Amino acid sequence: MPGPLVPPEALAWIQEASAASRYIVDPHFAKRARARNFSVFDAKKIIATASSCERYQDGTPLAGGTSWRVTGTALDGTIAKVGVEAFKDHLGKQIILITIMDG
C-alpha cells in the first residue's frame, strides 16, 4: 500500500512507526551505518528529533511506499539524515531504514 505523499504527513508517519519499533533495517542501511559510525539508535534519535522531512525523488521503493529523507540530531549531537521508505501493510504504518549520513 502506498505511503504518505506530503512532508508533514510523512514525518508524522515515520515518527509514529519508529517510536512503535515498526521498522525494517535494510542491508544497505547496516552497511552505511557501519561505514559512517552510526547505528539504528542514531536513526531513531534522528527521526525523533527531526527538523525536516523531504521527498526523495530518486528513491526506489522496496515495499511500494514512498521515499523520504529525514534530518535531525544523532546521539552525539551532530546533525544527520536518514533515508527511509514509508509504507503500509496489514500491520499498519511501517518504515524501512534505507541509509544514514552526516547532515
PDB file of N, CA and C in Angstrom:
ATOM      1  N   MET A   1       0.844  -1.172   0.000  1.00  0.00           N
ATOM      2  CA  MET A   1       0.000   0.000   0.000  1.00  0.00           C
ATOM      3  C   MET A   1       0.888   1.234   0.000  1.00  0.00           C
ATOM      4  N   PRO A   2       0.526   2.259  -0.756  1.00  0.00           N
ATOM      5  CA  PRO A   2       1.372   3.447  -0.863  1.00  0.00           C
ATOM      6  C   PRO A   2       1.598   4.139   0.479  1.00  0.00           C
ATOM      7  N   GLY A   3       2.667   4.884   0.514  1.00  0.00           N
ATOM      8  CA  GLY A   3       2.989   5.650   1.707  1.00  0.00           C
ATOM      9  C   GLY A   3       2.460   7.062   1.621  1.00  0.00           C
ATOM     10  N   PRO A   4       2.868   7.913   2.553  1.00  0.00           N
ATOM     11  CA  PRO A   4       2.413   9.300   2.594  1.00  0.00           C
ATOM     12  C   PRO A   4       2.913  10.075   1.382  1.00  0.00           C
ATOM     13  N   LEU A   5       2.183  11.151   1.043  1.00  0.00           N
ATOM     14  CA  LEU A   5       2.508  11.907  -0.164  1.00  0.00           C
ATOM     15  C   LEU A   5       3.028  13.315   0.093  1.00  0.00           C
ATOM     16  N   VAL A   6       2.853  13.840   1.299  1.00  0.00           N
ATOM     17  CA  VAL A   6       3.321  15.195   1.609  1.00  0.00           C
ATOM     18  C   VAL A   6       4.202  15.153   2.861  1.00  0.00           C
ATOM     19  N   PRO A   7       5.191  16.056   2.960  1.00  0.00           N
ATOM     20  CA  PRO A   7       6.151  16.010   4.059  1.00  0.00           C
ATOM     21  C   PRO A   7       5.562  15.984   5.472  1.00  0.00           C
ATOM     22  N   PRO A   8       4.584  16.824   5.821  1.00  0.00           N
ATOM     23  CA  PRO A   8       4.090  16.757   7.206  1.00  0.00           C
ATOM     24  C   PRO A   8       3.474  15.398   7.551  1.00  0.00           C
ATOM     25  N   GLU A   9       2.727  14.829   6.617  1.00  0.00           N
ATOM     26  CA  GLU A   9       2.137  13.511   6.824  1.00  0.00           C
ATOM     27  C   GLU A   9       3.235  12.453   6.921  1.00  0.00           C
ATOM     28  N   ALA A  10       4.240  12.577   6.064  1.00  0.00           N
ATOM     29  CA  ALA A  10       5.346  11.610   6.060  1.00  0.00           C
ATOM     30  C   ALA A  10       6.102  11.639   7.378  1.00  0.00           C
ATOM     31  N   LEU A  11       6.410  12.833   7.877  1.00  0.00           N
ATOM     32  CA  LEU A  11       7.171  12.927   9.120  1.00  0.00           C
ATOM     33  C   LEU A  11       6.385  12.313  10.281  1.00  0.00           C
ATOM     34  N   ALA A  12       5.110  12.612  10.372  1.00  0.00           N
ATOM     35  CA  ALA A  12       4.289  12.027  11.440  1.00  0.00           C
ATOM     36  C   ALA A  12       4.258  10.506  11.319  1.00  0.00           C
ATOM     37  N   TRP A  13       4.107  10.001  10.103  1.00  0.00           N
ATOM     38  CA  TRP A  13       4.071   8.558   9.828  1.00  0.00           C
ATOM     39  C   TRP A  13       5.381   7.904  10.257  1.00  0.00           C
ATOM     40  N   ILE A  14       6.493   8.502   9.816  1.00  0.00           N
ATOM     41  CA  ILE A  14       7.828   7.962  10.097  1.00  0.00           C
ATOM     42  C   ILE A  14       8.107   7.971  11.595  1.00  0.00           C
ATOM     43  N   GLN A  15       7.764   9.063  12.270  1.00  0.00           N
ATOM     44  CA  GLN A  15       7.988   9.147  13.712  1.00  0.00           C
ATOM     45  C   GLN A  15       7.121   8.135  14.465  1.00  0.00           C
ATOM     46  N   GLU A  16       5.870   7.982  14.047  1.00  0.00           N
ATOM     47  CA  GLU A  16       4.980   7.014  14.687  1.00  0.00           C
ATOM     48  C   GLU A  16       5.524   5.589  14.535  1.00  0.00           C
ATOM     49  N   ALA A  17       5.918   5.238  13.321  1.00  0.00           N
ATOM     50  CA  ALA A  17       6.427   3.890  13.068  1.00  0.00           C
ATOM     51  C   ALA A  17       7.726   3.634  13.843  1.00  0.00           C
ATOM     52  N   SER A  18       8.620   4.610  13.852  1.00  0.00           N
ATOM     53  CA  SER A  18       9.887   4.450  14.568  1.00  0.00           C
ATOM     54  C   SER A  18       9.652   4.297  16.068  1.00  0.00           C
ATOM     55  N   ALA A  19       8.820   5.143  16.643  1.00  0.00           N
ATOM     56  CA  ALA A  19       8.544   5.090  18.085  1.00  0.00           C
ATOM     57  C   ALA A  19       7.915   3.756  18.489  1.00  0.00           C
ATOM     58  N   ALA A  20       7.138   3.167  17.586  1.00  0.00           N
ATOM     59  CA  ALA A  20       6.477   1.887  17.864  1.00  0.00           C
ATOM     60  C   ALA A  20       7.334   0.689  17.445  1.00  0.00           C
ATOM     61  N   SER A  21       8.584   0.948  17.046  1.00  0.00           N
ATOM     62  CA  SER A  21       9.514  -0.092  16.571  1.00  0.00           C
ATOM     63  C   SER A  21       8.946  -0.883  15.398  1.00  0.00           C
ATOM     64  N   ARG A  22       8.208  -0.190  14.528  1.00  0.00           N
ATOM     65  CA  ARG A  22       7.697  -0.818  13.305  1.00  0.00           C
ATOM     66  C   ARG A  22       8.603  -0.407  12.140  1.00  0.00           C
ATOM     67  N   TYR A  23       9.834  -0.901  12.193  1.00  0.00           N
ATOM     68  CA  TYR A  23      10.795  -0.594  11.141  1.00  0.00           C
ATOM     69  C   TYR A  23      11.568  -1.850  10.769  1.00  0.00           C
ATOM     70  N   ILE A  24      12.035  -1.823   9.531  1.00  0.00           N
ATOM     71  CA  ILE A  24      12.871  -2.886   8.980  1.00  0.00           C
ATOM     72  C   ILE A  24      14.213  -2.244   8.664  1.00  0.00           C
ATOM     73  N   VAL A  25      15.295  -2.924   8.989  1.00  0.00           N
ATOM     74  CA  VAL A  25      16.632  -2.421   8.675  1.00  0.00           C
ATOM     75  C   VAL A  25      17.085  -3.075   7.375  1.00  0.00           C
ATOM     76  N   ASP A  26      17.188  -2.282   6.326  1.00  0.00           N
ATOM     77  CA  ASP A  26      17.670  -2.777   5.038  1.00  0.00           C
ATOM     78  C   ASP A  26      19.179  -3.061   5.146  1.00  0.00           C
ATOM     79  N   PRO A  27      19.677  -4.082   4.462  1.00  0.00           N
ATOM     80  CA  PRO A  27      21.122  -4.364   4.494  1.00  0.00           C
ATOM     81  C   PRO A  27      21.979  -3.156   4.070  1.00  0.00           C
ATOM     82  N   HIS A  28      21.473  -2.339   3.151  1.00  0.00           N
ATOM     83  CA  HIS A  28      22.209  -1.145   2.728  1.00  0.00           C
ATOM     84  C   HIS A  28      22.387  -0.189   3.914  1.00  0.00           C
ATOM     85  N   PHE A  29      21.331  -0.045   4.732  1.00  0.00           N
ATOM     86  CA  PHE A  29      21.429   0.806   5.919  1.00  0.00           C
ATOM     87  C   PHE A  29      22.530   0.281   6.840  1.00  0.00           C
ATOM     88  N   ALA A  30      22.531  -1.012   7.101  1.00  0.00           N
ATOM     89  CA  ALA A  30      23.524  -1.604   8.003  1.00  0.00           C
ATOM     90  C   ALA A  30      24.947  -1.333   7.501  1.00  0.00           C
ATOM     91  N   LYS A  31      25.145  -1.472   6.204  1.00  0.00           N
ATOM     92  CA  LYS A  31      26.465  -1.230   5.610  1.00  0.00           C
ATOM     93  C   LYS A  31      26.870   0.235   5.762  1.00  0.00           C
ATOM     94  N   ARG A  32      25.959   1.145   5.422  1.00  0.00           N
ATOM     95  CA  ARG A  32      26.250   2.579   5.516  1.00  0.00           C
ATOM     96  C   ARG A  32      26.450   3.018   6.964  1.00  0.00           C
ATOM     97  N   ALA A  33      25.641   2.486   7.865  1.00  0.00           N
ATOM     98  CA  ALA A  33      25.761   2.853   9.274  1.00  0.00           C
ATOM     99  C   ALA A  33      27.143   2.459   9.811  1.00  0.00           C
ATOM    100  N   ARG A  34      27.584   1.243   9.515  1.00  0.00           N
ATOM    101  CA  ARG A  34      28.917   0.800   9.954  1.00  0.00           C
ATOM    102  C   ARG A  34      30.004   1.697   9.380  1.00  0.00           C
ATOM    103  N   ALA A  35      29.928   1.976   8.090  1.00  0.00           N
ATOM    104  CA  ALA A  35      30.953   2.777   7.420  1.00  0.00           C
ATOM    105  C   ALA A  35      30.993   4.219   7.927  1.00  0.00           C
ATOM    106  N   ARG A  36      29.842   4.722   8.378  1.00  0.00           N
ATOM    107  CA  ARG A  36      29.739   6.127   8.787  1.00  0.00           C
ATOM    108  C   ARG A  36      29.617   6.308  10.300  1.00  0.00           C
ATOM    109  N   ASN A  37      29.869   5.242  11.046  1.00  0.00           N
ATOM    110  CA  ASN A  37      29.841   5.272  12.509  1.00  0.00           C
ATOM    111  C   ASN A  37      28.493   5.701  13.091  1.00  0.00           C
ATOM    112  N   PHE A  38      27.423   5.151  12.545  1.00  0.00           N
ATOM    113  CA  PHE A  38      26.078   5.366  13.058  1.00  0.00           C
ATOM    114  C   PHE A  38      25.480   4.018  13.439  1.00  0.00           C
ATOM    115  N   SER A  39      24.313   4.068  14.092  1.00  0.00           N
ATOM    116  CA  SER A  39      23.605   2.860  14.483  1.00  0.00           C
ATOM    117  C   SER A  39      22.104   3.054  14.281  1.00  0.00           C
ATOM    118  N   VAL A  40      21.354   2.003  14.498  1.00  0.00           N
ATOM    119  CA  VAL A  40      19.891   2.105  14.464  1.00  0.00           C
ATOM    120  C   VAL A  40      19.419   3.083  15.533  1.00  0.00           C
ATOM    121  N   PHE A  41      20.113   3.120  16.664  1.00  0.00           N
ATOM    122  CA  PHE A  41      19.738   4.046  17.738  1.00  0.00           C
ATOM    123  C   PHE A  41      19.915   5.493  17.287  1.00  0.00           C
ATOM    124  N   ASP A  42      20.958   5.757  16.491  1.00  0.00           N
ATOM    125  CA  ASP A  42      21.120   7.094  15.911  1.00  0.00           C
ATOM    126  C   ASP A  42      19.943   7.409  14.995  1.00  0.00           C
ATOM    127  N   ALA A  43      19.565   6.447  14.155  1.00  0.00           N
ATOM    128  CA  ALA A  43      18.456   6.666  13.224  1.00  0.00           C
ATOM    129  C   ALA A  43      17.176   6.992  13.981  1.00  0.00           C
ATOM    130  N   LYS A  44      16.906   6.256  15.038  1.00  0.00           N
ATOM    131  CA  LYS A  44      15.700   6.512  15.841  1.00  0.00           C
ATOM    132  C   LYS A  44      15.741   7.905  16.468  1.00  0.00           C
ATOM    133  N   LYS A  45      16.926   8.327  16.930  1.00  0.00           N
ATOM    134  CA  LYS A  45      17.065   9.671  17.526  1.00  0.00           C
ATOM    135  C   LYS A  45      16.904  10.747  16.449  1.00  0.00           C
ATOM    136  N   ILE A  46      17.492  10.534  15.277  1.00  0.00           N
ATOM    137  CA  ILE A  46      17.359  11.495  14.178  1.00  0.00           C
ATOM    138  C   ILE A  46      15.891  11.670  13.825  1.00  0.00           C
ATOM    139  N   ILE A  47      15.175  10.571  13.725  1.00  0.00           N
ATOM    140  CA  ILE A  47      13.750  10.625  13.390  1.00  0.00           C
ATOM    141  C   ILE A  47      12.966  11.329  14.497  1.00  0.00           C
ATOM    142  N   ALA A  48      13.255  11.006  15.744  1.00  0.00           N
ATOM    143  CA  ALA A  48      12.528  11.593  16.873  1.00  0.00           C
ATOM    144  C   ALA A  48      12.750  13.099  16.984  1.00  0.00           C
ATOM    145  N   THR A  49      13.938  13.562  16.586  1.00  0.00           N
ATOM    146  CA  THR A  49      14.282  14.984  16.714  1.00  0.00           C
ATOM    147  C   THR A  49      14.223  15.713  15.375  1.00  0.00           C
ATOM    148  N   ALA A  50      13.549  15.145  14.417  1.00  0.00           N
ATOM    149  CA  ALA A  50      13.564  15.661  13.041  1.00  0.00           C
ATOM    150  C   ALA A  50      13.216  17.144  12.955  1.00  0.00           C
ATOM    151  N   SER A  51      14.041  17.860  12.190  1.00  0.00           N
ATOM    152  CA  SER A  51      13.779  19.269  11.908  1.00  0.00           C
ATOM    153  C   SER A  51      13.239  19.447  10.497  1.00  0.00           C
ATOM    154  N   SER A  52      13.393  18.421   9.661  1.00  0.00           N
ATOM    155  CA  SER A  52      12.832  18.479   8.311  1.00  0.00           C
ATOM    156  C   SER A  52      12.643  17.081   7.743  1.00  0.00           C
ATOM    157  N   CYS A  53      11.762  17.024   6.765  1.00  0.00           N
ATOM    158  CA  CYS A  53      11.473  15.779   6.053  1.00  0.00           C
ATOM    159  C   CYS A  53      11.175  16.170   4.616  1.00  0.00           C
ATOM    160  N   GLU A  54      11.904  15.596   3.695  1.00  0.00           N
ATOM    161  CA  GLU A  54      11.686  15.936   2.283  1.00  0.00           C
ATOM    162  C   GLU A  54      11.594  14.673   1.442  1.00  0.00           C
ATOM    163  N   ARG A  55      10.802  14.767   0.399  1.00  0.00           N
ATOM    164  CA  ARG A  55      10.621  13.647  -0.518  1.00  0.00           C
ATOM    165  C   ARG A  55      11.931  13.355  -1.208  1.00  0.00           C
ATOM    166  N   TYR A  56      12.278  12.085  -1.327  1.00  0.00           N
ATOM    167  CA  TYR A  56      13.488  11.682  -2.030  1.00  0.00           C
ATOM    168  C   TYR A  56      13.061  11.101  -3.364  1.00  0.00           C
ATOM    169  N   GLN A  57      13.119  11.944  -4.387  1.00  0.00           N
ATOM    170  CA  GLN A  57      12.607  11.587  -5.712  1.00  0.00           C
ATOM    171  C   GLN A  57      13.359  10.433  -6.359  1.00  0.00           C
ATOM    172  N   ASP A  58      14.647  10.282  -6.048  1.00  0.00           N
ATOM    173  CA  ASP A  58      15.448   9.237  -6.682  1.00  0.00           C
ATOM    174  C   ASP A  58      15.365   7.898  -5.967  1.00  0.00           C
ATOM    175  N   GLY A  59      14.585   7.840  -4.881  1.00  0.00           N
ATOM    176  CA  GLY A  59      14.454   6.596  -4.133  1.00  0.00           C
ATOM    177  C   GLY A  59      13.697   5.545  -4.926  1.00  0.00           C
ATOM    178  N   THR A  60      14.099   4.299  -4.767  1.00  0.00           N
ATOM    179  CA  THR A  60      13.412   3.182  -5.401  1.00  0.00           C
ATOM    180  C   THR A  60      12.696   2.395  -4.308  1.00  0.00           C
ATOM    181  N   PRO A  61      11.387   2.578  -4.189  1.00  0.00           N
ATOM    182  CA  PRO A  61      10.654   1.896  -3.118  1.00  0.00           C
ATOM    183  C   PRO A  61      10.797   0.373  -3.201  1.00  0.00           C
ATOM    184  N   LEU A  62      11.020  -0.233  -2.046  1.00  0.00           N
ATOM    185  CA  LEU A  62      11.162  -1.682  -1.957  1.00  0.00           C
ATOM    186  C   LEU A  62       9.844  -2.360  -1.598  1.00  0.00           C
ATOM    187  N   ALA A  63       8.936  -1.591  -0.956  1.00  0.00           N
ATOM    188  CA  ALA A  63       7.679  -2.167  -0.478  1.00  0.00           C
ATOM    189  C   ALA A  63       6.465  -1.433  -1.032  1.00  0.00           C
ATOM    190  N   GLY A  64       6.669  -0.676  -2.114  1.00  0.00           N
ATOM    191  CA  GLY A  64       5.559   0.037  -2.731  1.00  0.00           C
ATOM    192  C   GLY A  64       5.168   1.319  -2.035  1.00  0.00           C
ATOM    193  N   GLY A  65       6.028   1.810  -1.134  1.00  0.00           N
ATOM    194  CA  GLY A  65       5.738   3.040  -0.402  1.00  0.00           C
ATOM    195  C   GLY A  65       6.340   4.258  -1.061  1.00  0.00           C
ATOM    196  N   THR A  66       6.671   5.252  -0.248  1.00  0.00           N
ATOM    197  CA  THR A  66       7.277   6.485  -0.735  1.00  0.00           C
ATOM    198  C   THR A  66       8.591   6.721   0.007  1.00  0.00           C
ATOM    199  N   SER A  67       9.538   7.360  -0.679  1.00  0.00           N
ATOM    200  CA  SER A  67      10.887   7.551  -0.149  1.00  0.00           C
ATOM    201  C   SER A  67      11.065   8.958   0.417  1.00  0.00           C
ATOM    202  N   TRP A  68      11.733   9.025   1.591  1.00  0.00           N
ATOM    203  CA  TRP A  68      11.890  10.288   2.305  1.00  0.00           C
ATOM    204  C   TRP A  68      13.288  10.401   2.892  1.00  0.00           C
ATOM    205  N   ARG A  69      13.732  11.640   3.074  1.00  0.00           N
ATOM    206  CA  ARG A  69      14.982  11.923   3.759  1.00  0.00           C
ATOM    207  C   ARG A  69      14.643  12.795   4.962  1.00  0.00           C
ATOM    208  N   VAL A  70      14.976  12.306   6.144  1.00  0.00           N
ATOM    209  CA  VAL A  70      14.649  12.974   7.398  1.00  0.00           C
ATOM    210  C   VAL A  70      15.935  13.515   8.015  1.00  0.00           C
ATOM    211  N   THR A  71      15.927  14.787   8.423  1.00  0.00           N
ATOM    212  CA  THR A  71      17.085  15.423   9.045  1.00  0.00           C
ATOM    213  C   THR A  71      16.787  15.690  10.513  1.00  0.00           C
ATOM    214  N   GLY A  72      17.722  15.305  11.372  1.00  0.00           N
ATOM    215  CA  GLY A  72      17.565  15.518  12.807  1.00  0.00           C
ATOM    216  C   GLY A  72      18.916  15.423  13.494  1.00  0.00           C
ATOM    217  N   THR A  73      18.888  15.144  14.788  1.00  0.00           N
ATOM    218  CA  THR A  73      20.101  15.110  15.603  1.00  0.00           C
ATOM    219  C   THR A  73      20.431  13.678  16.003  1.00  0.00           C
ATOM    220  N   ALA A  74      21.666  13.278  15.738  1.00  0.00           N
ATOM    221  CA  ALA A  74      22.144  11.937  16.111  1.00  0.00           C
ATOM    222  C   ALA A  74      22.468  11.903  17.603  1.00  0.00           C
ATOM    223  N   LEU A  75      22.788  10.736  18.104  1.00  0.00           N
ATOM    224  CA  LEU A  75      23.081  10.566  19.529  1.00  0.00           C
ATOM    225  C   LEU A  75      24.242  11.436  20.011  1.00  0.00           C
ATOM    226  N   ASP A  76      25.215  11.693  19.143  1.00  0.00           N
ATOM    227  CA  ASP A  76      26.368  12.508  19.549  1.00  0.00           C
ATOM    228  C   ASP A  76      26.115  14.005  19.413  1.00  0.00           C
ATOM    229  N   GLY A  77      24.886  14.386  19.028  1.00  0.00           N
ATOM    230  CA  GLY A  77      24.529  15.795  18.922  1.00  0.00           C
ATOM    231  C   GLY A  77      24.747  16.421  17.564  1.00  0.00           C
ATOM    232  N   THR A  78      25.296  15.653  16.617  1.00  0.00           N
ATOM    233  CA  THR A  78      25.515  16.191  15.282  1.00  0.00           C
ATOM    234  C   THR A  78      24.242  16.070  14.438  1.00  0.00           C
ATOM    235  N   ILE A  79      24.139  16.921  13.439  1.00  0.00           N
ATOM    236  CA  ILE A  79      23.016  16.867  12.501  1.00  0.00           C
ATOM    237  C   ILE A  79      23.302  15.745  11.505  1.00  0.00           C
ATOM    238  N   ALA A  80      22.304  14.919  11.266  1.00  0.00           N
ATOM    239  CA  ALA A  80      22.455  13.790  10.351  1.00  0.00           C
ATOM    240  C   ALA A  80      21.129  13.532   9.648  1.00  0.00           C
ATOM    241  N   LYS A  81      21.181  12.687   8.613  1.00  0.00           N
ATOM    242  CA  LYS A  81      19.999  12.375   7.811  1.00  0.00           C
ATOM    243  C   LYS A  81      19.801  10.867   7.723  1.00  0.00           C
ATOM    244  N   VAL A  82      18.523  10.481   7.658  1.00  0.00           N
ATOM    245  CA  VAL A  82      18.163   9.081   7.475  1.00  0.00           C
ATOM    246  C   VAL A  82      17.270   8.994   6.245  1.00  0.00           C
ATOM    247  N   GLY A  83      17.602   8.070   5.342  1.00  0.00           N
ATOM    248  CA  GLY A  83      16.747   7.794   4.196  1.00  0.00           C
ATOM    249  C   GLY A  83      15.816   6.654   4.558  1.00  0.00           C
ATOM    250  N   VAL A  84      14.516   6.868   4.387  1.00  0.00           N
ATOM    251  CA  VAL A  84      13.539   5.840   4.747  1.00  0.00           C
ATOM    252  C   VAL A  84      12.503   5.668   3.641  1.00  0.00           C
ATOM    253  N   GLU A  85      11.877   4.508   3.646  1.00  0.00           N
ATOM    254  CA  GLU A  85      10.677   4.284   2.842  1.00  0.00           C
ATOM    255  C   GLU A  85       9.529   4.107   3.818  1.00  0.00           C
ATOM    256  N   ALA A  86       8.456   4.836   3.596  1.00  0.00           N
ATOM    257  CA  ALA A  86       7.257   4.715   4.427  1.00  0.00           C
ATOM    258  C   ALA A  86       6.204   3.963   3.617  1.00  0.00           C
ATOM    259  N   PHE A  87       5.610   2.941   4.239  1.00  0.00           N
ATOM    260  CA  PHE A  87       4.591   2.146   3.555  1.00  0.00           C
ATOM    261  C   PHE A  87       3.610   1.598   4.578  1.00  0.00           C
ATOM    262  N   LYS A  88       2.529   1.046   4.107  1.00  0.00           N
ATOM    263  CA  LYS A  88       1.532   0.449   4.995  1.00  0.00           C
ATOM    264  C   LYS A  88       1.300  -0.982   4.564  1.00  0.00           C
ATOM    265  N   ASP A  89       1.219  -1.870   5.550  1.00  0.00           N
ATOM    266  CA  ASP A  89       0.869  -3.257   5.269  1.00  0.00           C
ATOM    267  C   ASP A  89      -0.250  -3.682   6.215  1.00  0.00           C
ATOM    268  N   HIS A  90      -0.481  -4.970   6.333  1.00  0.00           N
ATOM    269  CA  HIS A  90      -1.583  -5.459   7.166  1.00  0.00           C
ATOM    270  C   HIS A  90      -1.411  -5.126   8.647  1.00  0.00           C
ATOM    271  N   LEU A  91      -0.213  -4.762   9.059  1.00  0.00           N
ATOM    272  CA  LEU A  91       0.038  -4.378  10.448  1.00  0.00           C
ATOM    273  C   LEU A  91      -0.067  -2.869  10.671  1.00  0.00           C
ATOM    274  N   GLY A  92      -0.164  -2.105   9.587  1.00  0.00           N
ATOM    275  CA  GLY A  92      -0.269  -0.650   9.703  1.00  0.00           C
ATOM    276  C   GLY A  92       0.924   0.067   9.121  1.00  0.00           C
ATOM    277  N   LYS A  93       1.188   1.255   9.643  1.00  0.00           N
ATOM    278  CA  LYS A  93       2.272   2.107   9.142  1.00  0.00           C
ATOM    279  C   LYS A  93       3.621   1.515   9.517  1.00  0.00           C
ATOM    280  N   GLN A  94       4.497   1.417   8.519  1.00  0.00           N
ATOM    281  CA  GLN A  94       5.825   0.826   8.678  1.00  0.00           C
ATOM    282  C   GLN A  94       6.851   1.728   7.999  1.00  0.00           C
ATOM    283  N   ILE A  95       8.120   1.529   8.330  1.00  0.00           N
ATOM    284  CA  ILE A  95       9.209   2.179   7.594  1.00  0.00           C
ATOM    285  C   ILE A  95      10.336   1.171   7.371  1.00  0.00           C
ATOM    286  N   ILE A  96      11.093   1.436   6.327  1.00  0.00           N
ATOM    287  CA  ILE A  96      12.331   0.708   6.067  1.00  0.00           C
ATOM    288  C   ILE A  96      13.459   1.730   6.195  1.00  0.00           C
ATOM    289  N   LEU A  97      14.438   1.450   7.042  1.00  0.00           N
ATOM    290  CA  LEU A  97      15.623   2.288   7.149  1.00  0.00           C
ATOM    291  C   LEU A  97      16.526   1.910   5.985  1.00  0.00           C
ATOM    292  N   ILE A  98      16.760   2.881   5.091  1.00  0.00           N
ATOM    293  CA  ILE A  98      17.495   2.617   3.848  1.00  0.00           C
ATOM    294  C   ILE A  98      18.955   3.057   3.934  1.00  0.00           C
ATOM    295  N   THR A  99      19.196   4.261   4.463  1.00  0.00           N
ATOM    296  CA  THR A  99      20.564   4.772   4.553  1.00  0.00           C
ATOM    297  C   THR A  99      20.653   5.811   5.654  1.00  0.00           C
ATOM    298  N   ILE A 100      21.872   6.192   6.004  1.00  0.00           N
ATOM    299  CA  ILE A 100      22.113   7.203   7.033  1.00  0.00           C
ATOM    300  C   ILE A 100      23.389   7.931   6.674  1.00  0.00           C
ATOM    301  N   MET A 101      23.428   9.245   6.944  1.00  0.00           N
ATOM    302  CA  MET A 101      24.592  10.045   6.553  1.00  0.00           C
ATOM    303  C   MET A 101      24.702  11.289   7.414  1.00  0.00           C
ATOM    304  N   ASP A 102      25.871  11.903   7.383  1.00  0.00           N
ATOM    305  CA  ASP A 102      26.056  13.192   8.046  1.00  0.00           C
ATOM    306  C   ASP A 102      25.158  14.222   7.385  1.00  0.00           C
ATOM    307  N   GLY A 103      24.744  15.197   8.184  1.00  0.00           N
ATOM    308  CA  GLY A 103      23.820  16.217   7.701  1.00  0.00           C
ATOM    309  C   GLY A 103      24.476  17.286   6.917  1.00  0.00           C
TER     310      GLY A 103
END
